[in-house]
Amino acid sequence: SDSSKPPRRYCPSRTVRVMIVLVTATIAYSLPNFGKFLELVGASICTLLGFILPCYFHLRVFGRKEMKMWELLFNLFIIVVAVFFAFVGTIEAIMKLLEDDDEVIEGNLEL
């Protein structure tokens, strides 16, 4: 057998991967406010996954007894700041989603 060819079992996973990319691209192209929706997801979910949950898990795994005071305070600081920016970003993204597109275009023309 030729070792340069991928095994046959990879073909279904590649097909699924290509289909997911095509469906996602079609949805992104067909939705007029996809960028605004993506902004909402980034402000809420990505902040949670990137900042809040890692610090929370770090606190849960090591606990107060194993962590130095500065590590505990640093994790809490990151969580508080991330919650603040997630809240502000989510509110702003929701407001942008609810805006009328005509107002946004007129506002940009006046600049």
Foldseek 3Di string as FASTA:
>chain_A
DDPVDDDPVCVVVVVVVVVVVVVVVVVCVPDPCNVLVVQLCCLAVVLCVPQQVVLVVVCVVQPPVRDDPVSVVVSVVSNVVSVVRSVVSNVVSVVVVPDDPVVVVVVVVVD
